[in-house]
Amino acid sequence: ADPELEAIRQRRIQEMMAQRGIGNPQSAEQQQAQEEQKREAEEKRQLLMSQILSSQARERLARIALVKPEKARGVEDFLLSRFRTGHISEKVSEERLIALLEQINEQTKKQTKVT
């Protein structure tokens, strides 16, 4: 057997095992650490959202997230960026959230027009 071919085979086996999380104990630890970081980041995000949105607005956004998670995430990102830059000084009411959603819908309609 060709030693170069064997080396390629071994590398490929290691890559496949790493993708499946087999063989490399460090990768399992790294994966667990990454999941923990994601969980902590999501907790911080939700804490900030509870400071930004009124309870009714949070409920509405949660209902939207059930149907259109990417849209809800985009709205959250927008609100968080506005909050961090100081553009939001009081809790966003449900009415204000609805107005924001309507603006976003208008913008997406304009972007998706086919000419």
Foldseek 3Di string as FASTA:
>chain_A
DDPVVVVVVVVVVVVVCLVVVPDDPVSVVVVVVVVVVVVVVVVVLVVVLPQAAPPVLVVVLVVVCVVPVVVSVVLSVVSVVCVVVPVGDHHQYNVNSVVVVVVVVVVVVVVPDDD
